[in-house]
């Protein structure tokens, strides 16, 4: 294995500091507005702001041509799945401790390994099966599910990881023919359309007040910045360096949950997350899509 230059590791660590801060802010902001906006409405404002930001960046850099329509049906399917995952993630934030949500979300790379043979024709190795078993054991410790009365938040957090994994695999296919910024443009635009359709299911879409605006702006900006930082970190250092850094999100969000909401620091969540991390580290012996380490 080629050694990573110290400068590359340092740069990746700086980018990951931004990613961890952004993902944590996204979770806090999502919970802050959840009492007044349902998940569809949160997605409406988040995606709307995302469309404006990405379009402005494309226009300012003279790259609008990179957002031209290409494989729209595939974009549509990808974004229906990702939209579902993001809504499940925002819902889970409102009913589970933040650390538990993040721990379950970290199973996304394991699902990528298990789903890739079906979607991409890749071979499922013994290493992949061991990684999946470790991750599943970690999930059971984190979630401690009562299968006779499964908490809907646990089911939502687990399902969102599957959705993010499917999205990652579909993104890998799109990146073979399309630039990342174009994929990001269609992600925000199509999810804005989906949110506009679903946000009015109850006949009303509340307008944000002056108190809501900072939180909604934070949701929109932090989501984009988090993925920018994570992608930049993966450009500076390999996933074998970046992914363990990404797992620092768990203790950070656990402390945030404890300090801001009085959530207990549950040692079993950390033990389960360590098993999930072990499974993920096994997957790093083979290439995985960059977005597999990403979240909402």
Protein backbone atom coordinates (compact mmCIF):
# COMPACT_ATOMS: atom_id res chain seq x y z
CA UNK A 1 0.00 0.00 0.00
CA UNK A 2 1.37 3.41 -0.97
CA UNK A 3 1.99 5.70 1.98
CA UNK A 4 -0.08 8.87 2.12
CA UNK A 5 2.03 12.06 2.35
CA UNK A 6 1.62 13.83 5.66
CA UNK A 7 0.51 16.96 3.85
CA UNK A 8 -2.30 15.00 2.17
CA UNK A 9 -3.46 13.58 5.49
CA UNK A 10 -3.37 17.03 7.09
CA UNK A 11 -5.41 18.53 4.25
CA UNK A 12 -7.92 15.68 4.45
CA UNK A 13 -8.19 16.19 8.22
CA UNK A 14 -8.95 19.89 7.70
CA UNK A 15 -11.63 19.10 5.13
CA UNK A 16 -13.11 16.45 7.43
CA UNK A 17 -13.28 18.98 10.25
CA UNK A 18 -15.53 21.04 7.99
CA UNK A 19 -17.57 17.98 7.02
CA UNK A 20 -18.09 16.89 10.64
CA UNK A 21 -19.11 20.40 11.67
CA UNK A 22 -21.49 20.70 8.70
CA UNK A 23 -23.18 17.32 9.23
CA UNK A 24 -23.62 18.13 12.92
CA UNK A 25 -25.10 21.55 12.14
CA UNK A 26 -27.42 19.94 9.59
CA UNK A 27 -28.73 17.53 12.24
CA UNK A 28 -29.24 20.27 14.83
CA UNK A 29 -30.94 22.60 12.33
CA UNK A 30 -33.19 19.82 11.08
CA UNK A 31 -34.32 19.05 14.60
CA UNK A 32 -34.80 22.77 15.36
CA UNK A 33 -37.44 23.24 12.66
CA UNK A 34 -39.07 19.80 12.92
CA UNK A 35 -41.78 21.04 15.29
CA UNK A 36 -43.11 23.47 12.65
CA UNK A 37 -42.19 21.78 9.35
CA UNK A 38 -42.62 18.17 8.29
CA UNK A 39 -39.80 16.40 6.48
CA UNK A 40 -41.23 17.16 3.02
CA UNK A 41 -41.37 20.86 3.83
CA UNK A 42 -37.81 20.83 5.16
CA UNK A 43 -36.72 19.19 1.91
CA UNK A 44 -38.61 21.81 -0.09
CA UNK A 45 -36.62 24.66 1.41
CA UNK A 46 -33.35 22.74 1.48
CA UNK A 47 -33.56 21.69 -2.18
CA UNK A 48 -34.80 25.11 -3.30
CA UNK A 49 -31.80 26.79 -1.74
CA UNK A 50 -29.55 24.08 -3.20
CA UNK A 51 -30.86 24.77 -6.73
CA UNK A 52 -30.11 28.48 -6.33
CA UNK A 53 -26.59 27.90 -5.00
CA UNK A 54 -25.57 25.26 -7.55
CA UNK A 55 -27.06 27.23 -10.47
CA UNK A 56 -25.23 30.37 -9.33
CA UNK A 57 -21.95 28.43 -9.11
CA UNK A 58 -22.43 26.97 -12.59
CA UNK A 59 -23.29 30.37 -14.06
CA UNK A 60 -20.39 32.14 -12.32
CA UNK A 61 -17.89 29.57 -13.60
CA UNK A 62 -19.37 29.44 -17.11
CA UNK A 63 -20.24 25.75 -16.75
CA UNK A 64 -24.00 25.77 -17.27
CA UNK A 65 -23.51 23.36 -20.16
CA UNK A 66 -22.57 20.69 -17.60
CA UNK A 67 -26.16 20.72 -16.32
CA UNK A 68 -27.66 19.81 -19.69
CA UNK A 69 -30.31 17.04 -19.56
CA UNK A 70 -28.80 13.56 -19.82
CA UNK A 71 -30.31 10.23 -18.73
CA UNK A 72 -33.19 12.02 -17.00
CA UNK A 73 -35.20 8.82 -16.25
CA UNK A 74 -32.18 7.43 -14.39
CA UNK A 75 -31.72 10.75 -12.58
CA UNK A 76 -35.39 10.59 -11.67
CA UNK A 77 -35.17 7.10 -10.17
CA UNK A 78 -31.98 7.99 -8.29
CA UNK A 79 -33.55 11.08 -6.79
CA UNK A 80 -36.76 9.36 -5.75
CA UNK A 81 -34.61 6.93 -3.74
CA UNK A 82 -32.39 9.67 -2.32
CA UNK A 83 -35.39 11.86 -1.51
CA UNK A 84 -36.90 8.94 0.40
CA UNK A 85 -33.65 8.42 2.31
CA UNK A 86 -33.31 12.08 3.23
CA UNK A 87 -36.87 12.26 4.51
CA UNK A 88 -36.32 9.13 6.59
CA UNK A 89 -33.12 10.66 7.99
CA UNK A 90 -34.83 13.91 8.99
CA UNK A 91 -37.67 11.92 10.58
CA UNK A 92 -35.24 9.73 12.54
CA UNK A 93 -33.55 12.85 13.92
CA UNK A 94 -36.79 13.84 15.63
CA UNK A 95 -37.46 10.53 17.41
CA UNK A 96 -34.03 9.01 18.17
CA UNK A 97 -30.88 10.20 19.95
CA UNK A 98 -28.60 11.88 17.42
CA UNK A 99 -25.75 9.40 18.05
CA UNK A 100 -28.03 6.46 17.30
CA UNK A 101 -29.11 7.98 13.97
CA UNK A 102 -25.51 8.63 12.91
CA UNK A 103 -24.36 5.16 13.96
CA UNK A 104 -27.05 3.48 11.85
CA UNK A 105 -26.30 5.80 8.93
CA UNK A 106 -22.69 4.56 8.95
CA UNK A 107 -23.90 1.19 7.63
CA UNK A 108 -24.27 2.80 4.18
CA UNK A 109 -20.85 1.56 2.86
CA UNK A 110 -21.70 -1.98 3.99
CA UNK A 111 -24.94 -1.88 2.04
CA UNK A 112 -23.00 -0.63 -1.00
CA UNK A 113 -20.80 -3.74 -0.83
CA UNK A 114 -23.82 -6.05 -0.48
CA UNK A 115 -25.88 -4.35 -3.23
CA UNK A 116 -23.06 -3.79 -5.75
CA UNK A 117 -23.12 -7.40 -7.04
CA UNK A 118 -26.77 -6.96 -8.01
CA UNK A 119 -26.49 -3.45 -9.44
CA UNK A 120 -22.96 -3.32 -10.87
CA UNK A 121 -22.18 -6.99 -11.45
CA UNK A 122 -19.31 -6.90 -8.95
CA UNK A 123 -18.28 -10.08 -7.15
CA UNK A 124 -19.25 -10.45 -3.50
CA UNK A 125 -16.11 -11.64 -1.71
CA UNK A 126 -15.65 -13.45 1.57
CA UNK A 127 -14.21 -10.20 2.95
CA UNK A 128 -17.43 -8.44 1.98
CA UNK A 129 -19.53 -11.06 3.77
CA UNK A 130 -17.41 -10.75 6.93
CA UNK A 131 -17.71 -6.95 6.75
CA UNK A 132 -21.48 -7.27 6.42
CA UNK A 133 -21.67 -9.63 9.39
CA UNK A 134 -19.62 -7.26 11.57
CA UNK A 135 -21.77 -4.34 10.53
CA UNK A 136 -25.00 -6.24 11.20
CA UNK A 137 -23.76 -7.18 14.67
CA UNK A 138 -22.96 -3.51 15.28
CA UNK A 139 -26.44 -2.48 14.15
CA UNK A 140 -28.06 -4.92 16.56
CA UNK A 141 -26.01 -3.48 19.43
CA UNK A 142 -26.76 0.13 18.44
CA UNK A 143 -30.44 -0.38 17.76
CA UNK A 144 -31.29 -3.17 20.23
CA UNK A 145 -34.52 -3.68 18.27
CA UNK A 146 -37.61 -5.26 19.72
CA UNK A 147 -38.72 -7.18 16.63
CA UNK A 148 -42.17 -7.59 18.12
CA UNK A 149 -42.55 -3.83 18.46
CA UNK A 150 -39.91 -2.18 16.26
CA UNK A 151 -39.46 1.54 16.93
CA UNK A 152 -40.31 3.44 13.72
CA UNK A 153 -37.27 5.66 14.18
CA UNK A 154 -34.94 2.63 14.17
CA UNK A 155 -36.59 1.35 11.00
CA UNK A 156 -36.33 4.80 9.39
CA UNK A 157 -32.63 5.24 10.23
CA UNK A 158 -31.79 1.75 8.95
CA UNK A 159 -33.83 2.24 5.78
CA UNK A 160 -32.22 5.60 5.04
CA UNK A 161 -28.80 3.90 5.00
CA UNK A 162 -30.08 1.43 2.39
CA UNK A 163 -31.44 4.34 0.32
CA UNK A 164 -28.12 6.19 0.53
CA UNK A 165 -26.28 3.03 -0.54
CA UNK A 166 -28.52 2.58 -3.58
CA UNK A 167 -28.02 6.25 -4.42
CA UNK A 168 -24.24 5.85 -4.19
CA UNK A 169 -24.28 2.94 -6.61
CA UNK A 170 -26.45 4.86 -9.07
CA UNK A 171 -24.18 7.89 -8.71
CA UNK A 172 -21.20 5.71 -9.63
CA UNK A 173 -22.97 4.81 -12.88
CA UNK A 174 -23.78 8.46 -13.63
CA UNK A 175 -20.22 9.67 -13.03
CA UNK A 176 -19.05 7.53 -15.94
CA UNK A 177 -20.80 9.89 -18.36
CA UNK A 178 -21.59 13.07 -16.41
CA UNK A 179 -19.67 15.64 -14.33
CA UNK A 180 -20.31 15.70 -10.59
CA UNK A 181 -21.62 19.28 -10.61
CA UNK A 182 -24.23 18.29 -13.20
CA UNK A 183 -25.35 15.38 -11.03
CA UNK A 184 -25.57 17.76 -8.07
CA UNK A 185 -27.68 20.19 -10.10
CA UNK A 186 -30.22 17.55 -11.06
CA UNK A 187 -30.22 16.14 -7.53
CA UNK A 188 -31.34 19.48 -6.11
CA UNK A 189 -33.72 20.35 -8.93
CA UNK A 190 -35.55 17.03 -9.03
CA UNK A 191 -35.73 16.81 -5.25
CA UNK A 192 -37.16 20.32 -5.18
CA UNK A 193 -39.88 19.14 -7.59
CA UNK A 194 -40.55 16.04 -5.46
CA UNK A 195 -40.69 18.17 -2.32
CA UNK A 196 -43.05 20.68 -3.99
CA UNK A 197 -45.41 17.80 -4.83
CA UNK A 198 -45.29 16.09 -1.44
CA UNK A 199 -45.03 19.11 0.85
CA UNK A 200 -48.62 20.06 0.13
CA UNK A 201 -50.08 16.64 0.93
CA UNK A 202 -51.96 18.14 3.90
CA UNK A 203 -53.19 21.12 1.90
CA UNK A 204 -50.79 23.70 3.28
CA UNK A 205 -47.14 24.66 3.14
CA UNK A 206 -46.13 26.93 6.03
CA UNK A 207 -44.01 29.94 5.19
CA UNK A 208 -40.90 30.41 7.29
CA UNK A 209 -40.89 33.14 9.89
CA UNK A 210 -37.91 35.31 10.73
CA UNK A 211 -37.07 32.79 13.48
CA UNK A 212 -37.12 29.88 11.01
CA UNK A 213 -35.04 31.47 8.25
CA UNK A 214 -31.60 31.08 9.87
CA UNK A 215 -32.25 27.38 10.53
CA UNK A 216 -33.53 26.72 7.00
CA UNK A 217 -30.58 28.59 5.50
CA UNK A 218 -28.28 26.52 7.70
CA UNK A 219 -29.91 23.30 6.47
CA UNK A 220 -29.42 24.28 2.84
CA UNK A 221 -25.86 25.54 3.16
CA UNK A 222 -24.55 22.92 5.61
CA UNK A 223 -25.81 20.05 3.45
CA UNK A 224 -23.91 21.32 0.41
CA UNK A 225 -20.79 22.25 2.38
CA UNK A 226 -20.69 18.84 4.09
CA UNK A 227 -20.55 16.99 0.79
CA UNK A 228 -18.10 19.47 -0.70
CA UNK A 229 -15.77 18.95 2.28
CA UNK A 230 -16.13 15.17 2.19
CA UNK A 231 -15.47 14.98 -1.55
CA UNK A 232 -12.46 17.29 -1.17
CA UNK A 233 -11.09 15.14 1.66
CA UNK A 234 -11.38 12.05 -0.55
CA UNK A 235 -9.46 13.96 -3.22
CA UNK A 236 -6.65 14.73 -0.77
CA UNK A 237 -6.32 11.27 0.80
CA UNK A 238 -7.65 7.75 0.17
CA UNK A 239 -10.81 6.41 1.77
CA UNK A 240 -8.70 4.35 4.19
CA UNK A 241 -7.65 7.67 5.78
CA UNK A 242 -10.88 9.62 5.34
CA UNK A 243 -13.41 7.06 6.57
CA UNK A 244 -11.96 6.70 10.10
CA UNK A 245 -11.92 10.51 10.28
CA UNK A 246 -15.56 10.55 9.19
CA UNK A 247 -16.42 8.30 12.14
CA UNK A 248 -15.40 11.12 14.45
CA UNK A 249 -18.86 12.45 13.62
CA UNK A 250 -20.27 9.93 16.08
CA UNK A 251 -18.57 11.12 19.30
CA UNK A 252 -19.02 14.74 18.18
CA UNK A 253 -22.77 14.35 17.62
CA UNK A 254 -23.07 12.29 20.83
CA UNK A 255 -21.59 15.21 22.79
CA UNK A 256 -23.84 17.66 20.92
CA UNK A 257 -26.88 15.53 21.79
CA UNK A 258 -25.80 15.35 25.43
CA UNK A 259 -25.07 19.08 25.75
CA UNK A 260 -28.01 20.43 23.74
CA UNK A 261 -30.76 17.88 24.42
CA UNK A 262 -29.68 15.95 27.52
CA UNK A 263 -29.31 12.70 25.56
CA UNK A 264 -27.33 10.04 27.48
CA UNK A 265 -23.86 9.05 26.28
CA UNK A 266 -24.70 5.39 25.62
CA UNK A 267 -21.61 3.17 25.66
CA UNK A 268 -23.41 0.46 23.65
CA UNK A 269 -23.85 2.91 20.77
CA UNK A 270 -20.09 3.40 20.67
CA UNK A 271 -19.41 -0.36 20.90
CA UNK A 272 -21.84 -1.05 18.05
CA UNK A 273 -20.40 1.78 16.00
CA UNK A 274 -16.90 0.36 16.50
CA UNK A 275 -18.07 -2.95 14.96
CA UNK A 276 -19.67 -1.05 12.07
CA UNK A 277 -16.39 0.83 11.61
CA UNK A 278 -14.50 -2.47 11.59
CA UNK A 279 -16.76 -3.79 8.86
CA UNK A 280 -16.32 -0.59 6.86
CA UNK A 281 -12.53 -0.74 7.18
CA UNK A 282 -12.60 -4.25 5.72
CA UNK A 283 -14.42 -2.88 2.66
CA UNK A 284 -11.58 -0.42 2.05
CA UNK A 285 -9.50 -3.26 0.59
CA UNK A 286 -11.55 -2.69 -2.56
CA UNK A 287 -12.73 0.47 -4.32
CA UNK A 288 -16.03 1.92 -3.17
CA UNK A 289 -17.95 4.90 -4.54
CA UNK A 290 -16.84 8.12 -2.89
CA UNK A 291 -20.39 9.01 -1.91
CA UNK A 292 -20.72 5.74 0.00
CA UNK A 293 -19.09 7.47 2.93
CA UNK A 294 -21.47 10.37 2.63
CA UNK A 295 -24.84 10.88 4.21
CA UNK A 296 -27.89 13.07 3.70
